[in-house]
PDB file of N, CA and C in Angstrom:
ATOM      1  N   MET A   1     -86.548 120.666 -32.346  1.00  0.00           N
ATOM      2  CA  MET A   1     -86.619 121.793 -33.416  1.00  0.00           C
ATOM      3  C   MET A   1     -85.701 122.599 -33.584  1.00  0.00           C
ATOM      4  N   ALA A   2     -85.068 122.673 -35.031  1.00  0.00           N
ATOM      5  CA  ALA A   2     -83.744 123.495 -35.616  1.00  0.00           C
ATOM      6  C   ALA A   2     -84.134 125.049 -35.288  1.00  0.00           C
ATOM      7  N   LYS A   3     -83.218 125.451 -34.880  1.00  0.00           N
ATOM      8  CA  LYS A   3     -83.143 126.948 -34.541  1.00  0.00           C
ATOM      9  C   LYS A   3     -82.724 127.322 -36.163  1.00  0.00           C
ATOM     10  N   GLU A   4     -83.610 128.245 -36.516  1.00  0.00           N
ATOM     11  CA  GLU A   4     -83.072 129.248 -38.809  1.00  0.00           C
ATOM     12  C   GLU A   4     -81.756 130.003 -38.040  1.00  0.00           C
ATOM     13  N   LYS A   5     -80.676 129.229 -38.505  1.00  0.00           N
ATOM     14  CA  LYS A   5     -79.850 130.507 -39.152  1.00  0.00           C
ATOM     15  C   LYS A   5     -80.243 131.731 -39.377  1.00  0.00           C
ATOM     16  N   THR A   6     -79.565 132.719 -38.438  1.00  0.00           N
ATOM     17  CA  THR A   6     -80.004 134.112 -39.043  1.00  0.00           C
ATOM     18  C   THR A   6     -79.099 134.961 -39.820  1.00  0.00           C
ATOM     19  N   ASN A   7     -78.038 134.386 -40.095  1.00  0.00           N
ATOM     20  CA  ASN A   7     -76.827 134.750 -40.885  1.00  0.00           C
ATOM     21  C   ASN A   7     -77.183 134.714 -41.921  1.00  0.00           C
ATOM     22  N   ILE A   8     -77.994 133.256 -42.684  1.00  0.00           N
ATOM     23  CA  ILE A   8     -77.798 132.923 -43.852  1.00  0.00           C
ATOM     24  C   ILE A   8     -79.054 133.405 -45.107  1.00  0.00           C
ATOM     25  N   ILE A   9     -78.404 134.370 -45.992  1.00  0.00           N
ATOM     26  CA  ILE A   9     -79.740 134.655 -46.663  1.00  0.00           C
ATOM     27  C   ILE A   9     -80.860 133.550 -47.922  1.00  0.00           C
ATOM     28  N   THR A  10     -81.598 132.738 -47.035  1.00  0.00           N
ATOM     29  CA  THR A  10     -82.354 131.782 -47.669  1.00  0.00           C
ATOM     30  C   THR A  10     -83.471 132.108 -48.982  1.00  0.00           C
ATOM     31  N   ASN A  11     -83.788 131.218 -50.069  1.00  0.00           N
ATOM     32  CA  ASN A  11     -84.700 131.068 -50.901  1.00  0.00           C
ATOM     33  C   ASN A  11     -85.504 131.650 -50.476  1.00  0.00           C
ATOM     34  N   ALA A  12     -86.218 130.941 -49.025  1.00  0.00           N
ATOM     35  CA  ALA A  12     -87.000 131.583 -48.296  1.00  0.00           C
ATOM     36  C   ALA A  12     -87.576 132.709 -47.530  1.00  0.00           C
ATOM     37  N   LYS A  13     -85.663 133.078 -47.427  1.00  0.00           N
ATOM     38  CA  LYS A  13     -86.036 134.239 -46.494  1.00  0.00           C
ATOM     39  C   LYS A  13     -86.571 135.579 -47.697  1.00  0.00           C
ATOM     40  N   LEU A  14     -85.716 134.961 -48.981  1.00  0.00           N
ATOM     41  CA  LEU A  14     -85.825 136.235 -49.471  1.00  0.00           C
ATOM     42  C   LEU A  14     -87.166 136.081 -50.236  1.00  0.00           C
ATOM     43  N   LYS A  15     -88.202 135.452 -50.785  1.00  0.00           N
ATOM     44  CA  LYS A  15     -89.241 135.407 -50.861  1.00  0.00           C
ATOM     45  C   LYS A  15     -90.379 136.107 -49.800  1.00  0.00           C
ATOM     46  N   LYS A  16     -90.224 135.668 -48.730  1.00  0.00           N
ATOM     47  CA  LYS A  16     -90.468 136.433 -47.337  1.00  0.00           C
ATOM     48  C   LYS A  16     -90.587 138.304 -47.201  1.00  0.00           C
ATOM     49  N   TYR A  17     -89.329 138.427 -47.780  1.00  0.00           N
ATOM     50  CA  TYR A  17     -89.020 139.532 -47.808  1.00  0.00           C
ATOM     51  C   TYR A  17     -89.327 140.663 -49.123  1.00  0.00           C
ATOM     52  N   PHE A  18     -89.139 139.752 -50.502  1.00  0.00           N
ATOM     53  CA  PHE A  18     -90.247 140.467 -51.499  1.00  0.00           C
ATOM     54  C   PHE A  18     -91.474 140.644 -51.363  1.00  0.00           C
ATOM     55  N   SER A  19     -91.984 139.757 -50.472  1.00  0.00           N
ATOM     56  CA  SER A  19     -93.598 139.765 -50.218  1.00  0.00           C
ATOM     57  C   SER A  19     -93.915 140.764 -49.316  1.00  0.00           C
ATOM     58  N   VAL A  20     -93.254 141.225 -48.319  1.00  0.00           N
ATOM     59  CA  VAL A  20     -92.908 142.082 -47.213  1.00  0.00           C
ATOM     60  C   VAL A  20     -92.860 143.603 -48.422  1.00  0.00           C
ATOM     61  N   THR A  21     -91.810 143.736 -48.902  1.00  0.00           N
ATOM     62  CA  THR A  21     -91.590 144.958 -49.500  1.00  0.00           C
ATOM     63  C   THR A  21     -92.485 145.159 -50.254  1.00  0.00           C
ATOM     64  N   GLU A  22     -93.169 144.436 -51.385  1.00  0.00           N
ATOM     65  CA  GLU A  22     -93.785 144.663 -52.354  1.00  0.00           C
ATOM     66  C   GLU A  22     -95.188 144.779 -52.154  1.00  0.00           C
ATOM     67  N   LYS A  23     -95.766 144.226 -50.643  1.00  0.00           N
ATOM     68  CA  LYS A  23     -96.703 144.694 -50.022  1.00  0.00           C
ATOM     69  C   LYS A  23     -96.971 146.550 -49.668  1.00  0.00           C
ATOM     70  N   ALA A  24     -95.676 146.689 -49.164  1.00  0.00           N
ATOM     71  CA  ALA A  24     -96.216 147.975 -48.406  1.00  0.00           C
ATOM     72  C   ALA A  24     -96.086 148.855 -50.060  1.00  0.00           C
ATOM     73  N   PHE A  25     -94.843 148.356 -50.542  1.00  0.00           N
ATOM     74  CA  PHE A  25     -95.424 149.229 -51.882  1.00  0.00           C
ATOM     75  C   PHE A  25     -96.456 149.725 -52.007  1.00  0.00           C
ATOM     76  N   SER A  26     -97.140 148.732 -52.945  1.00  0.00           N
ATOM     77  CA  SER A  26     -98.654 148.762 -53.046  1.00  0.00           C
ATOM     78  C   SER A  26     -99.109 149.458 -52.302  1.00  0.00           C
ATOM     79  N   ILE A  27     -99.217 149.547 -50.959  1.00  0.00           N
ATOM     80  CA  ILE A  27     -99.756 150.448 -50.424  1.00  0.00           C
ATOM     81  C   ILE A  27     -99.867 151.782 -50.141  1.00  0.00           C
ATOM     82  N   ALA A  28     -98.032 151.739 -50.157  1.00  0.00           N
ATOM     83  CA  ALA A  28     -97.557 153.133 -50.136  1.00  0.00           C
ATOM     84  C   ALA A  28     -98.503 154.030 -51.436  1.00  0.00           C
ATOM     85  N   LYS A  29     -97.989 153.322 -52.549  1.00  0.00           N
ATOM     86  CA  LYS A  29     -98.671 153.747 -53.889  1.00  0.00           C
ATOM     87  C   LYS A  29    -100.100 154.706 -53.967  1.00  0.00           C
ATOM     88  N   LYS A  30    -101.000 153.573 -53.175  1.00  0.00           N
ATOM     89  CA  LYS A  30    -102.340 153.945 -53.041  1.00  0.00           C
ATOM     90  C   LYS A  30    -102.446 155.165 -51.620  1.00  0.00           C
ATOM     91  N   ASN A  31    -101.239 155.419 -51.196  1.00  0.00           N
ATOM     92  CA  ASN A  31    -101.638 156.101 -49.991  1.00  0.00           C
ATOM     93  C   ASN A  31    -100.779 157.573 -49.823  1.00  0.00           C
ATOM     94  N   ILE A  32    -100.720 158.438 -50.847  1.00  0.00           N
ATOM     95  CA  ILE A  32     -99.198 159.754 -51.111  1.00  0.00           C
ATOM     96  C   ILE A  32    -100.633 160.666 -50.249  1.00  0.00           C
ATOM     97  N   ALA A  33     -99.311 161.433 -49.650  1.00  0.00           N
ATOM     98  CA  ALA A  33     -99.966 162.495 -48.609  1.00  0.00           C
ATOM     99  C   ALA A  33    -100.644 163.260 -50.444  1.00  0.00           C
ATOM    100  N   LYS A  34    -101.290 164.233 -50.215  1.00  0.00           N
ATOM    101  CA  LYS A  34    -101.871 164.834 -50.892  1.00  0.00           C
ATOM    102  C   LYS A  34    -100.836 166.245 -51.931  1.00  0.00           C
ATOM    103  N   THR A  35    -100.373 166.520 -50.631  1.00  0.00           N
ATOM    104  CA  THR A  35     -99.528 167.942 -50.404  1.00  0.00           C
ATOM    105  C   THR A  35     -97.591 167.354 -51.125  1.00  0.00           C
ATOM    106  N   LYS A  36     -97.693 166.056 -51.046  1.00  0.00           N
ATOM    107  CA  LYS A  36     -96.514 165.367 -51.400  1.00  0.00           C
ATOM    108  C   LYS A  36     -95.660 164.484 -52.822  1.00  0.00           C
ATOM    109  N   GLU A  37     -96.890 164.863 -53.664  1.00  0.00           N
ATOM    110  CA  GLU A  37     -97.249 164.165 -54.717  1.00  0.00           C
ATOM    111  C   GLU A  37     -95.475 163.723 -55.699  1.00  0.00           C
ATOM    112  N   SER A  38     -95.095 165.032 -55.536  1.00  0.00           N
ATOM    113  CA  SER A  38     -93.703 165.415 -56.589  1.00  0.00           C
ATOM    114  C   SER A  38     -92.737 164.437 -55.871  1.00  0.00           C
ATOM    115  N   GLU A  39     -92.722 164.554 -54.155  1.00  0.00           N
ATOM    116  CA  GLU A  39     -91.959 163.434 -53.330  1.00  0.00           C
ATOM    117  C   GLU A  39     -91.998 162.194 -53.609  1.00  0.00           C
ATOM    118  N   ALA A  40     -93.227 161.660 -53.915  1.00  0.00           N
ATOM    119  CA  ALA A  40     -94.221 160.470 -53.779  1.00  0.00           C
ATOM    120  C   ALA A  40     -93.181 160.066 -54.734  1.00  0.00           C
ATOM    121  N   ARG A  41     -93.741 160.571 -55.880  1.00  0.00           N
ATOM    122  CA  ARG A  41     -93.020 160.065 -57.370  1.00  0.00           C
ATOM    123  C   ARG A  41     -91.758 159.673 -57.496  1.00  0.00           C
ATOM    124  N   GLU A  42     -90.794 160.430 -56.705  1.00  0.00           N
ATOM    125  CA  GLU A  42     -89.387 160.349 -56.696  1.00  0.00           C
ATOM    126  C   GLU A  42     -89.121 159.141 -55.929  1.00  0.00           C
ATOM    127  N   ILE A  43     -89.739 158.909 -54.839  1.00  0.00           N
ATOM    128  CA  ILE A  43     -89.512 157.664 -53.618  1.00  0.00           C
ATOM    129  C   ILE A  43     -90.384 156.605 -54.633  1.00  0.00           C
ATOM    130  N   LEU A  44     -91.000 156.464 -55.004  1.00  0.00           N
ATOM    131  CA  LEU A  44     -92.003 155.286 -55.984  1.00  0.00           C
ATOM    132  C   LEU A  44     -90.984 154.793 -57.148  1.00  0.00           C
ATOM    133  N   ASN A  45     -90.796 155.526 -57.422  1.00  0.00           N
ATOM    134  CA  ASN A  45     -89.490 155.284 -58.814  1.00  0.00           C
ATOM    135  C   ASN A  45     -88.443 154.509 -58.049  1.00  0.00           C
ATOM    136  N   MET A  46     -87.966 155.143 -57.102  1.00  0.00           N
ATOM    137  CA  MET A  46     -86.389 154.699 -56.104  1.00  0.00           C
ATOM    138  C   MET A  46     -86.827 153.088 -55.991  1.00  0.00           C
ATOM    139  N   VAL A  47     -88.054 153.129 -55.063  1.00  0.00           N
ATOM    140  CA  VAL A  47     -88.864 151.751 -54.640  1.00  0.00           C
ATOM    141  C   VAL A  47     -88.502 150.836 -55.821  1.00  0.00           C
ATOM    142  N   ASP A  48     -89.080 151.367 -57.104  1.00  0.00           N
ATOM    143  CA  ASP A  48     -89.568 149.893 -58.435  1.00  0.00           C
ATOM    144  C   ASP A  48     -88.241 149.539 -58.533  1.00  0.00           C
ATOM    145  N   CYS A  49     -87.030 150.526 -58.909  1.00  0.00           N
ATOM    146  CA  CYS A  49     -85.314 150.243 -59.378  1.00  0.00           C
ATOM    147  C   CYS A  49     -84.920 149.981 -58.733  1.00  0.00           C
ATOM    148  N   TYR A  50     -85.080 149.446 -57.108  1.00  0.00           N
ATOM    149  CA  TYR A  50     -84.366 148.507 -56.332  1.00  0.00           C
ATOM    150  C   TYR A  50     -85.102 147.353 -56.512  1.00  0.00           C
ATOM    151  N   LEU A  51     -86.369 147.109 -56.607  1.00  0.00           N
ATOM    152  CA  LEU A  51     -86.868 146.214 -56.642  1.00  0.00           C
ATOM    153  C   LEU A  51     -87.017 145.049 -57.639  1.00  0.00           C
ATOM    154  N   GLN A  52     -86.529 145.545 -58.672  1.00  0.00           N
ATOM    155  CA  GLN A  52     -86.142 145.176 -60.501  1.00  0.00           C
ATOM    156  C   GLN A  52     -84.585 144.852 -59.662  1.00  0.00           C
ATOM    157  N   ASP A  53     -83.675 145.321 -59.524  1.00  0.00           N
ATOM    158  CA  ASP A  53     -82.467 145.123 -59.311  1.00  0.00           C
ATOM    159  C   ASP A  53     -82.678 143.489 -58.088  1.00  0.00           C
ATOM    160  N   ALA A  54     -83.292 143.920 -57.321  1.00  0.00           N
ATOM    161  CA  ALA A  54     -83.363 142.348 -56.388  1.00  0.00           C
ATOM    162  C   ALA A  54     -83.856 141.390 -57.245  1.00  0.00           C
ATOM    163  N   LYS A  55     -84.903 141.495 -58.101  1.00  0.00           N
ATOM    164  CA  LYS A  55     -85.201 140.664 -58.909  1.00  0.00           C
ATOM    165  C   LYS A  55     -84.233 140.572 -59.786  1.00  0.00           C
ATOM    166  N   TRP A  56     -83.479 140.764 -60.680  1.00  0.00           N
ATOM    167  CA  TRP A  56     -81.826 140.455 -61.054  1.00  0.00           C
ATOM    168  C   TRP A  56     -80.993 140.457 -60.465  1.00  0.00           C
ATOM    169  N   PHE A  57     -80.798 140.702 -58.944  1.00  0.00           N
ATOM    170  CA  PHE A  57     -79.876 140.049 -58.211  1.00  0.00           C
ATOM    171  C   PHE A  57     -80.773 138.020 -58.406  1.00  0.00           C
ATOM    172  N   GLU A  58     -81.656 138.339 -58.191  1.00  0.00           N
ATOM    173  CA  GLU A  58     -82.072 136.887 -57.605  1.00  0.00           C
ATOM    174  C   GLU A  58     -82.227 135.805 -58.868  1.00  0.00           C
ATOM    175  N   LYS A  59     -82.166 136.383 -59.783  1.00  0.00           N
ATOM    176  CA  LYS A  59     -82.409 135.277 -61.350  1.00  0.00           C
ATOM    177  C   LYS A  59     -80.908 134.971 -61.322  1.00  0.00           C
ATOM    178  N   GLN A  60     -79.713 135.743 -60.927  1.00  0.00           N
ATOM    179  CA  GLN A  60     -78.440 135.741 -61.415  1.00  0.00           C
ATOM    180  C   GLN A  60     -77.845 134.748 -59.796  1.00  0.00           C
ATOM    181  N   GLY A  61     -78.663 134.353 -59.086  1.00  0.00           N
ATOM    182  CA  GLY A  61     -78.136 133.622 -57.603  1.00  0.00           C
ATOM    183  C   GLY A  61     -77.426 134.181 -56.998  1.00  0.00           C
ATOM    184  N   ASN A  62     -77.399 135.864 -57.404  1.00  0.00           N
ATOM    185  CA  ASN A  62     -76.617 136.571 -55.820  1.00  0.00           C
ATOM    186  C   ASN A  62     -77.872 136.912 -54.944  1.00  0.00           C
ATOM    187  N   LEU A  63     -78.158 135.955 -53.899  1.00  0.00           N
ATOM    188  CA  LEU A  63     -78.776 136.689 -53.180  1.00  0.00           C
ATOM    189  C   LEU A  63     -78.473 137.465 -51.952  1.00  0.00           C
ATOM    190  N   VAL A  64     -77.141 137.393 -51.931  1.00  0.00           N
ATOM    191  CA  VAL A  64     -77.077 138.493 -50.767  1.00  0.00           C
ATOM    192  C   VAL A  64     -77.317 140.223 -51.620  1.00  0.00           C
ATOM    193  N   ASN A  65     -76.695 140.719 -52.787  1.00  0.00           N
ATOM    194  CA  ASN A  65     -77.122 142.141 -53.505  1.00  0.00           C
ATOM    195  C   ASN A  65     -78.825 141.906 -53.994  1.00  0.00           C
ATOM    196  N   SER A  66     -79.054 140.775 -53.966  1.00  0.00           N
ATOM    197  CA  SER A  66     -80.938 140.975 -54.022  1.00  0.00           C
ATOM    198  C   SER A  66     -81.684 141.213 -53.009  1.00  0.00           C
ATOM    199  N   PHE A  67     -80.959 140.442 -51.259  1.00  0.00           N
ATOM    200  CA  PHE A  67     -81.318 140.823 -50.243  1.00  0.00           C
ATOM    201  C   PHE A  67     -81.223 142.418 -50.249  1.00  0.00           C
ATOM    202  N   ALA A  68     -79.612 142.917 -50.180  1.00  0.00           N
ATOM    203  CA  ALA A  68     -79.160 144.281 -50.173  1.00  0.00           C
ATOM    204  C   ALA A  68     -80.627 145.379 -50.707  1.00  0.00           C
ATOM    205  N   ALA A  69     -80.561 145.048 -52.147  1.00  0.00           N
ATOM    206  CA  ALA A  69     -81.448 145.564 -52.852  1.00  0.00           C
ATOM    207  C   ALA A  69     -82.953 146.069 -52.392  1.00  0.00           C
ATOM    208  N   LEU A  70     -83.624 144.567 -51.485  1.00  0.00           N
ATOM    209  CA  LEU A  70     -84.309 144.619 -50.843  1.00  0.00           C
ATOM    210  C   LEU A  70     -84.997 145.472 -49.776  1.00  0.00           C
ATOM    211  N   ASN A  71     -83.783 145.589 -49.199  1.00  0.00           N
ATOM    212  CA  ASN A  71     -83.440 146.470 -48.092  1.00  0.00           C
ATOM    213  C   ASN A  71     -83.536 147.898 -48.378  1.00  0.00           C
ATOM    214  N   TYR A  72     -82.559 147.929 -49.416  1.00  0.00           N
ATOM    215  CA  TYR A  72     -82.414 149.527 -49.692  1.00  0.00           C
ATOM    216  C   TYR A  72     -84.287 150.120 -50.175  1.00  0.00           C
ATOM    217  N   ALA A  73     -85.089 149.447 -51.294  1.00  0.00           N
ATOM    218  CA  ALA A  73     -86.298 149.640 -51.688  1.00  0.00           C
ATOM    219  C   ALA A  73     -86.790 149.798 -50.240  1.00  0.00           C
ATOM    220  N   HIS A  74     -87.289 148.820 -49.533  1.00  0.00           N
ATOM    221  CA  HIS A  74     -87.812 149.105 -48.138  1.00  0.00           C
ATOM    222  C   HIS A  74     -87.651 150.229 -47.240  1.00  0.00           C
ATOM    223  N   GLY A  75     -86.049 151.079 -47.383  1.00  0.00           N
ATOM    224  CA  GLY A  75     -85.370 151.842 -46.666  1.00  0.00           C
ATOM    225  C   GLY A  75     -86.319 153.171 -47.133  1.00  0.00           C
ATOM    226  N   TRP A  76     -86.311 153.047 -48.689  1.00  0.00           N
ATOM    227  CA  TRP A  76     -86.894 154.229 -49.514  1.00  0.00           C
ATOM    228  C   TRP A  76     -88.683 154.964 -48.678  1.00  0.00           C
ATOM    229  N   LEU A  77     -89.395 153.280 -48.808  1.00  0.00           N
ATOM    230  CA  LEU A  77     -90.697 153.289 -48.035  1.00  0.00           C
ATOM    231  C   LEU A  77     -90.379 153.766 -46.713  1.00  0.00           C
ATOM    232  N   ASP A  78     -90.325 153.519 -45.970  1.00  0.00           N
ATOM    233  CA  ASP A  78     -89.781 153.738 -44.483  1.00  0.00           C
ATOM    234  C   ASP A  78     -89.512 155.489 -44.592  1.00  0.00           C
ATOM    235  N   SER A  79     -88.955 155.985 -45.329  1.00  0.00           N
ATOM    236  CA  SER A  79     -88.199 157.312 -45.042  1.00  0.00           C
ATOM    237  C   SER A  79     -89.552 158.314 -45.966  1.00  0.00           C
ATOM    238  N   GLY A  80     -90.471 157.512 -47.160  1.00  0.00           N
ATOM    239  CA  GLY A  80     -91.370 158.431 -47.322  1.00  0.00           C
ATOM    240  C   GLY A  80     -92.442 158.526 -46.352  1.00  0.00           C
ATOM    241  N   SER A  81     -92.218 157.478 -45.127  1.00  0.00           N
ATOM    242  CA  SER A  81     -94.086 157.491 -44.158  1.00  0.00           C
ATOM    243  C   SER A  81     -93.151 157.977 -43.262  1.00  0.00           C
ATOM    244  N   ARG A  82     -92.297 157.784 -42.752  1.00  0.00           N
ATOM    245  CA  ARG A  82     -91.713 158.188 -42.119  1.00  0.00           C
ATOM    246  C   ARG A  82     -91.715 160.348 -41.317  1.00  0.00           C
ATOM    247  N   LEU A  83     -91.654 160.127 -42.994  1.00  0.00           N
ATOM    248  CA  LEU A  83     -91.569 162.163 -43.646  1.00  0.00           C
ATOM    249  C   LEU A  83     -92.897 162.246 -43.685  1.00  0.00           C
ATOM    250  N   GLY A  84     -93.947 161.579 -43.756  1.00  0.00           N
ATOM    251  CA  GLY A  84     -95.482 162.080 -44.295  1.00  0.00           C
ATOM    252  C   GLY A  84     -95.610 161.973 -45.610  1.00  0.00           C
ATOM    253  N   ILE A  85     -94.883 161.226 -46.102  1.00  0.00           N
ATOM    254  CA  ILE A  85     -95.019 161.361 -47.861  1.00  0.00           C
ATOM    255  C   ILE A  85     -96.134 160.131 -48.267  1.00  0.00           C
ATOM    256  N   PHE A  86     -95.836 159.397 -47.689  1.00  0.00           N
ATOM    257  CA  PHE A  86     -97.181 158.355 -47.548  1.00  0.00           C
ATOM    258  C   PHE A  86     -98.106 158.619 -46.485  1.00  0.00           C
ATOM    259  N   ASP A  87     -99.433 158.045 -46.643  1.00  0.00           N
ATOM    260  CA  ASP A  87     -99.979 158.524 -45.377  1.00  0.00           C
ATOM    261  C   ASP A  87    -100.510 156.839 -45.179  1.00  0.00           C
ATOM    262  N   VAL A  88     -99.388 156.431 -44.083  1.00  0.00           N
ATOM    263  CA  VAL A  88     -99.575 155.113 -44.190  1.00  0.00           C
ATOM    264  C   VAL A  88     -99.936 154.523 -42.558  1.00  0.00           C
ATOM    265  N   LYS A  89    -100.592 153.862 -41.772  1.00  0.00           N
ATOM    266  CA  LYS A  89    -100.929 153.291 -40.416  1.00  0.00           C
ATOM    267  C   LYS A  89     -99.964 151.825 -40.031  1.00  0.00           C
ATOM    268  N   ASP A  90     -99.781 151.519 -41.048  1.00  0.00           N
ATOM    269  CA  ASP A  90     -98.933 149.953 -40.364  1.00  0.00           C
ATOM    270  C   ASP A  90     -97.765 149.834 -39.984  1.00  0.00           C
ATOM    271  N   ASN A  91     -97.886 149.636 -38.904  1.00  0.00           N
ATOM    272  CA  ASN A  91     -96.232 149.529 -38.094  1.00  0.00           C
ATOM    273  C   ASN A  91     -95.300 148.210 -38.428  1.00  0.00           C
ATOM    274  N   LYS A  92     -96.521 147.341 -38.616  1.00  0.00           N
ATOM    275  CA  LYS A  92     -95.905 146.279 -39.770  1.00  0.00           C
ATOM    276  C   LYS A  92     -95.123 146.345 -40.564  1.00  0.00           C
ATOM    277  N   LEU A  93     -95.398 147.456 -41.507  1.00  0.00           N
ATOM    278  CA  LEU A  93     -94.686 147.231 -42.875  1.00  0.00           C
ATOM    279  C   LEU A  93     -93.947 148.732 -43.135  1.00  0.00           C
ATOM    280  N   PHE A  94     -94.279 149.654 -41.810  1.00  0.00           N
ATOM    281  CA  PHE A  94     -93.096 150.817 -42.372  1.00  0.00           C
ATOM    282  C   PHE A  94     -93.128 151.359 -40.893  1.00  0.00           C
ATOM    283  N   VAL A  95     -91.899 152.373 -40.974  1.00  0.00           N
ATOM    284  CA  VAL A  95     -91.348 153.306 -39.548  1.00  0.00           C
ATOM    285  C   VAL A  95     -92.475 154.177 -40.031  1.00  0.00           C
ATOM    286  N   ILE A  96     -93.515 154.517 -38.705  1.00  0.00           N
ATOM    287  CA  ILE A  96     -94.577 155.415 -38.753  1.00  0.00           C
ATOM    288  C   ILE A  96     -93.965 156.637 -37.890  1.00  0.00           C
ATOM    289  N   LYS A  97     -94.891 157.632 -37.383  1.00  0.00           N
ATOM    290  CA  LYS A  97     -94.902 158.534 -36.570  1.00  0.00           C
ATOM    291  C   LYS A  97     -95.279 158.224 -35.496  1.00  0.00           C
TER     292      LYS A  97
END
């Protein structure tokens, strides 16, 4: 069995991370802490912008920048979950307390 190259961004790897980030985004939008709505809107806007950037870079064939934008998007989600802005429990999708 061939070992996967971990230092190469493939279309399959990009597809996987799009799926993970979009799933986390969907969950976060549905689980905003009641006292953190303003902060959540700001974070969700940033996530949406980075996801759109990632899609644009992918269409341009720029997988590196697409992957980077996905990581920024997911980083915003992780910060929101860690700070209690999103009331989420899934430690496979989020960094949680």
